[in-house]
Every structure is written in structure tokens, then in C-alpha cells.
Amino acid sequence: MKLSTKSRYASRALIELGLKYGEGPVKLKDISAIQDISLKYLEQVMFPLRIGGYVKTLKGSQGGYILARHPNSITLLEIVECVEGPIAPVDCVDRPGFCGRSEQCVTRDAWIGLKNVIRSELGNTTLDELVAKQRQIDG
């Protein structure tokens, strides 16, 4: 199972905003340059994050993006699900009616277990923790 580049780029962009949390808005072109993400693609990634209430935009010459919430209140699970939708390794996990064999499928329980493990890991990782790790790496 692979997450798309949307999840990776959304995480990186929010980590960048987390590094600057409380210092004012950050221009998207700066996030793009620092994180080596295409500005056009980054604009697409930021849209659902804004709609989802994770970032705010401030207009004007000193404008840019800021986190809408404190980094310790945002989980990696929220970020991923905001840009990807619900996490499920196969369709029948969230929609049993998707497959007529769901009721007697012995692998469905394994897929549900996998979903729960992934959700737990991502849900227990806050943006604040990722920001702290990034600061350690950056020195």
C-alpha cells in the first residue's frame, strides 16, 4: 500500500509551517523552494488543507499561509485523510457491500486490522513531534 505524493507533500508543507508557527505567514513559493515541491502542485495540495481547517491564508504583501491550529493538535492521520480521504487498504473495509463475499471473506479481517494499525500509528503522531524531529535534523 502506498500513499500518494499528496500526503507526503501535505505533511512536508505543514511541517514547514510548524517550524515557523507563531512567526507569521509563510509564502507558498518559499515552502515550494525549501521543500522542493512544484508551486502548482503545492497549490493543489494546500486547497483541501485550507478547506479542512488546517491552514489559513492571509492576503496582502506580507500574507501567506499559517497553521490554523497549534501543531500539537494536528495528527499525521488528519493530514493524510484530509488530502487522501479515509484510509483503507481495500474497498470492502469501509464498504462491506462493495464485495458480495465480504461476510465470508477471511482476509477482510486482516485488512481491517491493517487499517486500524495504520490509523493508530498516524493518529499517534502529531505535527508537533514531526516539527521537533525536523529541528533535530536541521541542527
N, C-alpha and C. Protein backbone atom coordinates (compact mmCIF):
# COMPACT_ATOMS: atom_id res chain seq x y z
N MET A 1 0.84 -1.18 0.00
CA MET A 1 0.00 0.00 0.00
C MET A 1 0.88 1.24 0.00
N LYS A 2 0.57 2.16 -0.87
CA LYS A 2 1.33 3.40 -0.97
C LYS A 2 0.41 4.58 -0.80
N LEU A 3 0.89 5.57 -0.08
CA LEU A 3 0.18 6.84 -0.04
C LEU A 3 0.68 7.67 -1.22
N SER A 4 -0.15 8.56 -1.70
CA SER A 4 0.24 9.36 -2.85
C SER A 4 1.18 10.49 -2.44
N THR A 5 1.71 11.16 -3.44
CA THR A 5 2.58 12.31 -3.17
C THR A 5 1.81 13.42 -2.44
N LYS A 6 0.49 13.45 -2.59
CA LYS A 6 -0.30 14.46 -1.88
C LYS A 6 -0.05 14.38 -0.37
N SER A 7 -0.06 13.18 0.16
CA SER A 7 0.17 13.01 1.60
C SER A 7 1.57 13.44 2.00
N ARG A 8 2.54 13.04 1.23
CA ARG A 8 3.92 13.40 1.55
C ARG A 8 4.12 14.90 1.46
N TYR A 9 3.62 15.51 0.41
CA TYR A 9 3.80 16.94 0.22
C TYR A 9 3.00 17.75 1.23
N ALA A 10 1.79 17.31 1.55
CA ALA A 10 0.98 17.99 2.56
C ALA A 10 1.69 17.95 3.91
N SER A 11 2.25 16.82 4.24
CA SER A 11 2.98 16.67 5.51
C SER A 11 4.18 17.59 5.54
N ARG A 12 4.94 17.60 4.46
CA ARG A 12 6.13 18.45 4.40
C ARG A 12 5.77 19.92 4.48
N ALA A 13 4.71 20.32 3.80
CA ALA A 13 4.28 21.72 3.83
C ALA A 13 3.84 22.12 5.24
N LEU A 14 3.11 21.24 5.91
CA LEU A 14 2.65 21.57 7.26
C LEU A 14 3.80 21.53 8.26
N ILE A 15 4.77 20.68 8.05
CA ILE A 15 5.97 20.71 8.90
C ILE A 15 6.67 22.05 8.74
N GLU A 16 6.77 22.51 7.51
CA GLU A 16 7.40 23.82 7.25
C GLU A 16 6.63 24.94 7.97
N LEU A 17 5.31 24.89 7.91
CA LEU A 17 4.51 25.88 8.63
C LEU A 17 4.65 25.71 10.14
N GLY A 18 4.81 24.47 10.58
CA GLY A 18 5.01 24.22 12.00
C GLY A 18 6.34 24.76 12.50
N LEU A 19 7.35 24.69 11.66
CA LEU A 19 8.66 25.25 12.02
C LEU A 19 8.58 26.77 12.21
N LYS A 20 7.66 27.39 11.50
CA LYS A 20 7.50 28.85 11.55
C LYS A 20 6.28 29.27 12.39
N TYR A 21 5.70 28.31 13.11
CA TYR A 21 4.48 28.59 13.87
C TYR A 21 4.69 29.76 14.84
N GLY A 22 3.78 30.72 14.79
CA GLY A 22 3.85 31.88 15.67
C GLY A 22 4.72 33.01 15.15
N GLU A 23 5.38 32.80 14.02
CA GLU A 23 6.27 33.82 13.45
C GLU A 23 5.63 34.61 12.33
N GLY A 24 4.40 34.29 11.98
CA GLY A 24 3.73 34.98 10.89
C GLY A 24 3.57 34.09 9.68
N PRO A 25 2.92 34.64 8.65
CA PRO A 25 2.63 33.84 7.46
C PRO A 25 3.87 33.48 6.64
N VAL A 26 3.77 32.36 5.97
CA VAL A 26 4.84 31.86 5.10
C VAL A 26 4.30 31.81 3.68
N LYS A 27 5.05 32.36 2.76
CA LYS A 27 4.63 32.37 1.36
C LYS A 27 4.76 30.96 0.78
N LEU A 28 3.80 30.63 -0.05
CA LEU A 28 3.78 29.31 -0.67
C LEU A 28 5.02 29.08 -1.53
N LYS A 29 5.50 30.15 -2.19
CA LYS A 29 6.70 30.00 -3.02
C LYS A 29 7.91 29.65 -2.16
N ASP A 30 7.93 30.12 -0.90
CA ASP A 30 9.04 29.77 0.00
C ASP A 30 8.97 28.31 0.42
N ILE A 31 7.76 27.84 0.74
CA ILE A 31 7.59 26.42 1.08
C ILE A 31 7.99 25.57 -0.12
N SER A 32 7.55 25.99 -1.29
CA SER A 32 7.87 25.28 -2.53
C SER A 32 9.37 25.15 -2.72
N ALA A 33 10.08 26.25 -2.53
CA ALA A 33 11.53 26.25 -2.74
C ALA A 33 12.25 25.42 -1.67
N ILE A 34 11.89 25.61 -0.41
CA ILE A 34 12.55 24.89 0.68
C ILE A 34 12.31 23.39 0.59
N GLN A 35 11.07 23.02 0.26
CA GLN A 35 10.69 21.60 0.23
C GLN A 35 10.85 20.95 -1.15
N ASP A 36 11.28 21.75 -2.14
CA ASP A 36 11.47 21.24 -3.50
C ASP A 36 10.19 20.58 -4.03
N ILE A 37 9.09 21.33 -3.93
CA ILE A 37 7.79 20.88 -4.42
C ILE A 37 7.33 21.90 -5.45
N SER A 38 6.85 21.44 -6.56
CA SER A 38 6.32 22.33 -7.60
C SER A 38 5.26 23.25 -6.98
N LEU A 39 5.37 24.54 -7.28
CA LEU A 39 4.43 25.52 -6.74
C LEU A 39 3.00 25.20 -7.17
N LYS A 40 2.82 24.83 -8.43
CA LYS A 40 1.48 24.49 -8.93
C LYS A 40 0.89 23.30 -8.16
N TYR A 41 1.70 22.28 -7.96
CA TYR A 41 1.22 21.09 -7.25
C TYR A 41 0.96 21.43 -5.79
N LEU A 42 1.82 22.23 -5.20
CA LEU A 42 1.65 22.63 -3.80
C LEU A 42 0.34 23.41 -3.61
N GLU A 43 0.00 24.25 -4.56
CA GLU A 43 -1.27 24.98 -4.50
C GLU A 43 -2.44 24.00 -4.44
N GLN A 44 -2.37 22.93 -5.24
CA GLN A 44 -3.43 21.91 -5.25
C GLN A 44 -3.50 21.17 -3.92
N VAL A 45 -2.34 20.90 -3.34
CA VAL A 45 -2.28 20.18 -2.07
C VAL A 45 -2.81 21.04 -0.92
N MET A 46 -2.55 22.33 -0.98
CA MET A 46 -2.96 23.22 0.12
C MET A 46 -4.45 23.49 0.12
N PHE A 47 -5.10 23.37 -1.01
CA PHE A 47 -6.54 23.65 -1.09
C PHE A 47 -7.35 22.81 -0.10
N PRO A 48 -7.24 21.47 -0.12
CA PRO A 48 -8.03 20.70 0.86
C PRO A 48 -7.61 20.97 2.30
N LEU A 49 -6.36 21.32 2.53
CA LEU A 49 -5.91 21.63 3.88
C LEU A 49 -6.54 22.93 4.39
N ARG A 50 -6.77 23.85 3.47
CA ARG A 50 -7.45 25.10 3.84
C ARG A 50 -8.93 24.83 4.10
N ILE A 51 -9.55 24.09 3.20
CA ILE A 51 -10.97 23.75 3.36
C ILE A 51 -11.17 22.92 4.63
N GLY A 52 -10.22 22.06 4.94
CA GLY A 52 -10.31 21.20 6.13
C GLY A 52 -10.01 21.92 7.43
N GLY A 53 -9.57 23.17 7.36
CA GLY A 53 -9.33 23.94 8.57
C GLY A 53 -7.96 23.74 9.20
N TYR A 54 -7.00 23.27 8.43
CA TYR A 54 -5.65 23.06 8.96
C TYR A 54 -4.74 24.24 8.70
N VAL A 55 -5.02 24.99 7.63
CA VAL A 55 -4.24 26.19 7.33
C VAL A 55 -5.18 27.35 7.03
N LYS A 56 -4.66 28.55 7.20
CA LYS A 56 -5.37 29.77 6.83
C LYS A 56 -4.48 30.55 5.89
N THR A 57 -5.11 31.32 5.03
CA THR A 57 -4.34 32.21 4.16
C THR A 57 -4.57 33.63 4.61
N LEU A 58 -3.50 34.40 4.57
CA LEU A 58 -3.57 35.83 4.87
C LEU A 58 -3.19 36.57 3.61
N LYS A 59 -4.01 37.52 3.23
CA LYS A 59 -3.82 38.28 1.99
C LYS A 59 -2.85 39.44 2.21
N GLY A 60 -2.37 39.98 1.12
CA GLY A 60 -1.53 41.16 1.16
C GLY A 60 -0.07 40.85 0.91
N SER A 61 0.73 41.90 0.86
CA SER A 61 2.15 41.75 0.56
C SER A 61 2.89 40.97 1.65
N GLN A 62 2.39 41.03 2.86
CA GLN A 62 3.00 40.27 3.96
C GLN A 62 2.23 38.99 4.24
N GLY A 63 1.36 38.62 3.32
CA GLY A 63 0.49 37.46 3.50
C GLY A 63 1.19 36.14 3.24
N GLY A 64 0.42 35.10 3.32
CA GLY A 64 0.91 33.75 3.10
C GLY A 64 0.05 32.77 3.87
N TYR A 65 0.64 31.64 4.22
CA TYR A 65 -0.07 30.59 4.93
C TYR A 65 0.40 30.50 6.37
N ILE A 66 -0.54 30.18 7.26
CA ILE A 66 -0.23 29.87 8.66
C ILE A 66 -1.05 28.65 9.04
N LEU A 67 -0.60 27.97 10.08
CA LEU A 67 -1.39 26.87 10.61
C LEU A 67 -2.62 27.45 11.30
N ALA A 68 -3.75 26.80 11.12
CA ALA A 68 -4.99 27.26 11.74
C ALA A 68 -5.12 26.73 13.17
N ARG A 69 -4.32 25.73 13.49
CA ARG A 69 -4.33 25.14 14.83
C ARG A 69 -2.89 24.94 15.29
N HIS A 70 -2.73 24.78 16.59
CA HIS A 70 -1.40 24.51 17.13
C HIS A 70 -0.90 23.17 16.59
N PRO A 71 0.39 23.06 16.32
CA PRO A 71 0.94 21.82 15.77
C PRO A 71 0.73 20.59 16.66
N ASN A 72 0.55 20.79 17.96
CA ASN A 72 0.34 19.61 18.82
C ASN A 72 -1.10 19.10 18.75
N SER A 73 -1.97 19.83 18.04
CA SER A 73 -3.36 19.38 17.92
C SER A 73 -3.68 18.83 16.53
N ILE A 74 -2.66 18.68 15.71
CA ILE A 74 -2.83 18.13 14.36
C ILE A 74 -2.06 16.83 14.27
N THR A 75 -2.74 15.76 13.85
CA THR A 75 -2.06 14.48 13.71
C THR A 75 -1.75 14.20 12.24
N LEU A 76 -0.82 13.32 12.05
CA LEU A 76 -0.47 12.90 10.70
C LEU A 76 -1.68 12.21 10.05
N LEU A 77 -2.48 11.52 10.84
CA LEU A 77 -3.69 10.88 10.31
C LEU A 77 -4.64 11.93 9.73
N GLU A 78 -4.83 13.03 10.44
CA GLU A 78 -5.70 14.09 9.94
C GLU A 78 -5.20 14.65 8.62
N ILE A 79 -3.91 14.86 8.54
CA ILE A 79 -3.32 15.41 7.32
C ILE A 79 -3.54 14.46 6.15
N VAL A 80 -3.22 13.19 6.37
CA VAL A 80 -3.35 12.19 5.30
C VAL A 80 -4.81 12.07 4.87
N GLU A 81 -5.71 11.94 5.83
CA GLU A 81 -7.11 11.76 5.46
C GLU A 81 -7.71 13.02 4.83
N CYS A 82 -7.19 14.17 5.17
CA CYS A 82 -7.67 15.42 4.57
C CYS A 82 -7.37 15.45 3.07
N VAL A 83 -6.20 14.99 2.67
CA VAL A 83 -5.83 15.06 1.26
C VAL A 83 -6.12 13.77 0.49
N GLU A 84 -6.23 12.64 1.20
CA GLU A 84 -6.43 11.34 0.54
C GLU A 84 -7.85 10.80 0.69
N GLY A 85 -8.51 11.17 1.78
CA GLY A 85 -9.77 10.52 2.14
C GLY A 85 -9.48 9.43 3.15
N PRO A 86 -10.51 8.69 3.54
CA PRO A 86 -10.32 7.65 4.57
C PRO A 86 -9.27 6.61 4.15
N ILE A 87 -8.52 6.16 5.13
CA ILE A 87 -7.50 5.16 4.87
C ILE A 87 -8.13 3.77 4.95
N ALA A 88 -8.02 3.04 3.88
CA ALA A 88 -8.48 1.65 3.85
C ALA A 88 -7.66 0.92 2.80
N PRO A 89 -7.03 -0.19 3.18
CA PRO A 89 -6.18 -0.89 2.21
C PRO A 89 -6.97 -1.51 1.05
N VAL A 90 -8.25 -1.84 1.28
CA VAL A 90 -9.12 -2.35 0.22
C VAL A 90 -10.51 -1.76 0.42
N ASP A 91 -11.29 -1.68 -0.65
CA ASP A 91 -12.59 -1.02 -0.60
C ASP A 91 -13.58 -1.65 0.36
N CYS A 92 -13.54 -2.96 0.52
CA CYS A 92 -14.55 -3.64 1.35
C CYS A 92 -14.40 -3.33 2.85
N VAL A 93 -13.26 -2.76 3.26
CA VAL A 93 -13.06 -2.44 4.67
C VAL A 93 -14.08 -1.41 5.13
N ASP A 94 -14.25 -0.35 4.37
CA ASP A 94 -15.20 0.70 4.73
C ASP A 94 -16.57 0.49 4.10
N ARG A 95 -16.60 -0.32 3.06
CA ARG A 95 -17.88 -0.55 2.36
C ARG A 95 -18.07 -2.06 2.14
N PRO A 96 -18.59 -2.76 3.16
CA PRO A 96 -18.76 -4.20 3.02
C PRO A 96 -19.61 -4.60 1.81
N GLY A 97 -20.55 -3.76 1.43
CA GLY A 97 -21.39 -4.06 0.28
C GLY A 97 -20.67 -3.98 -1.04
N PHE A 98 -19.45 -3.46 -1.03
CA PHE A 98 -18.65 -3.34 -2.25
C PHE A 98 -18.41 -4.72 -2.88
N CYS A 99 -18.27 -5.71 -2.01
CA CYS A 99 -18.00 -7.08 -2.47
C CYS A 99 -19.03 -8.02 -1.87
N GLY A 100 -19.62 -8.83 -2.68
CA GLY A 100 -20.61 -9.79 -2.22
C GLY A 100 -20.03 -10.87 -1.31
N ARG A 101 -18.73 -10.97 -1.25
CA ARG A 101 -18.08 -12.00 -0.43
C ARG A 101 -17.63 -11.48 0.93
N SER A 102 -17.89 -10.22 1.23
CA SER A 102 -17.38 -9.61 2.47
C SER A 102 -17.71 -10.41 3.72
N GLU A 103 -18.93 -10.93 3.80
CA GLU A 103 -19.35 -11.65 5.01
C GLU A 103 -18.56 -12.94 5.24
N GLN A 104 -18.15 -13.61 4.20
CA GLN A 104 -17.41 -14.87 4.37
C GLN A 104 -15.92 -14.75 3.99
N CYS A 105 -15.45 -13.55 3.77
CA CYS A 105 -14.06 -13.35 3.36
C CYS A 105 -13.14 -13.36 4.58
N VAL A 106 -12.24 -14.32 4.64
CA VAL A 106 -11.36 -14.43 5.80
C VAL A 106 -10.23 -13.40 5.77
N THR A 107 -9.92 -12.83 4.61
CA THR A 107 -8.86 -11.83 4.56
C THR A 107 -9.36 -10.44 4.96
N ARG A 108 -10.66 -10.22 4.92
CA ARG A 108 -11.21 -8.90 5.26
C ARG A 108 -10.82 -8.50 6.68
N ASP A 109 -10.82 -9.44 7.60
CA ASP A 109 -10.41 -9.13 8.98
C ASP A 109 -8.96 -8.65 9.03
N ALA A 110 -8.11 -9.26 8.21
CA ALA A 110 -6.70 -8.82 8.16
C ALA A 110 -6.62 -7.41 7.62
N TRP A 111 -7.42 -7.08 6.61
CA TRP A 111 -7.40 -5.74 6.03
C TRP A 111 -7.92 -4.71 7.03
N ILE A 112 -8.93 -5.10 7.80
CA ILE A 112 -9.45 -4.21 8.84
C ILE A 112 -8.38 -3.98 9.91
N GLY A 113 -7.69 -5.05 10.29
CA GLY A 113 -6.60 -4.93 11.27
C GLY A 113 -5.50 -4.02 10.77
N LEU A 114 -5.15 -4.15 9.50
CA LEU A 114 -4.12 -3.30 8.91
C LEU A 114 -4.56 -1.84 8.94
N LYS A 115 -5.80 -1.59 8.59
CA LYS A 115 -6.33 -0.22 8.63
C LYS A 115 -6.20 0.34 10.05
N ASN A 116 -6.56 -0.45 11.04
CA ASN A 116 -6.52 0.01 12.42
C ASN A 116 -5.10 0.31 12.89
N VAL A 117 -4.14 -0.51 12.48
CA VAL A 117 -2.74 -0.28 12.84
C VAL A 117 -2.23 1.01 12.20
N ILE A 118 -2.53 1.20 10.93
CA ILE A 118 -2.09 2.41 10.22
C ILE A 118 -2.71 3.64 10.86
N ARG A 119 -4.02 3.59 11.11
CA ARG A 119 -4.71 4.73 11.73
C ARG A 119 -4.14 5.03 13.11
N SER A 120 -3.81 4.00 13.85
CA SER A 120 -3.26 4.20 15.19
C SER A 120 -1.89 4.87 15.12
N GLU A 121 -1.03 4.38 14.24
CA GLU A 121 0.31 4.94 14.11
C GLU A 121 0.25 6.40 13.66
N LEU A 122 -0.51 6.67 12.63
CA LEU A 122 -0.62 8.04 12.13
C LEU A 122 -1.35 8.95 13.12
N GLY A 123 -2.33 8.39 13.81
CA GLY A 123 -3.10 9.17 14.78
C GLY A 123 -2.32 9.51 16.04
N ASN A 124 -1.30 8.73 16.31
CA ASN A 124 -0.46 8.97 17.49
C ASN A 124 0.77 9.82 17.17
N THR A 125 0.88 10.29 15.95
CA THR A 125 2.00 11.13 15.54
C THR A 125 1.48 12.54 15.29
N THR A 126 1.92 13.48 16.11
CA THR A 126 1.46 14.86 15.94
C THR A 126 2.42 15.65 15.05
N LEU A 127 1.89 16.69 14.48
CA LEU A 127 2.71 17.60 13.68
C LEU A 127 3.82 18.19 14.55
N ASP A 128 3.51 18.46 15.80
CA ASP A 128 4.49 19.00 16.74
C ASP A 128 5.69 18.05 16.88
N GLU A 129 5.43 16.76 16.96
CA GLU A 129 6.52 15.77 17.06
C GLU A 129 7.38 15.77 15.80
N LEU A 130 6.73 15.87 14.66
CA LEU A 130 7.47 15.90 13.39
C LEU A 130 8.31 17.16 13.28
N VAL A 131 7.76 18.28 13.73
CA VAL A 131 8.50 19.54 13.73
C VAL A 131 9.73 19.42 14.62
N ALA A 132 9.56 18.82 15.80
CA ALA A 132 10.70 18.65 16.72
C ALA A 132 11.78 17.77 16.08
N LYS A 133 11.39 16.70 15.41
CA LYS A 133 12.36 15.83 14.74
C LYS A 133 13.08 16.59 13.63
N GLN A 134 12.32 17.41 12.89
CA GLN A 134 12.93 18.19 11.81
C GLN A 134 13.95 19.17 12.37
N ARG A 135 13.64 19.79 13.50
CA ARG A 135 14.58 20.72 14.12
C ARG A 135 15.86 20.01 14.54
N GLN A 136 15.73 18.78 15.04
CA GLN A 136 16.92 18.00 15.41
C GLN A 136 17.78 17.73 14.19
N ILE A 137 17.16 17.35 13.10
CA ILE A 137 17.90 17.06 11.87
C ILE A 137 18.58 18.32 11.33
N ASP A 138 17.85 19.44 11.38
CA ASP A 138 18.38 20.70 10.84
C ASP A 138 19.50 21.27 11.72
N GLY A 139 19.52 20.82 12.97
CA GLY A 139 20.58 21.28 13.88
C GLY A 139 20.26 22.59 14.43
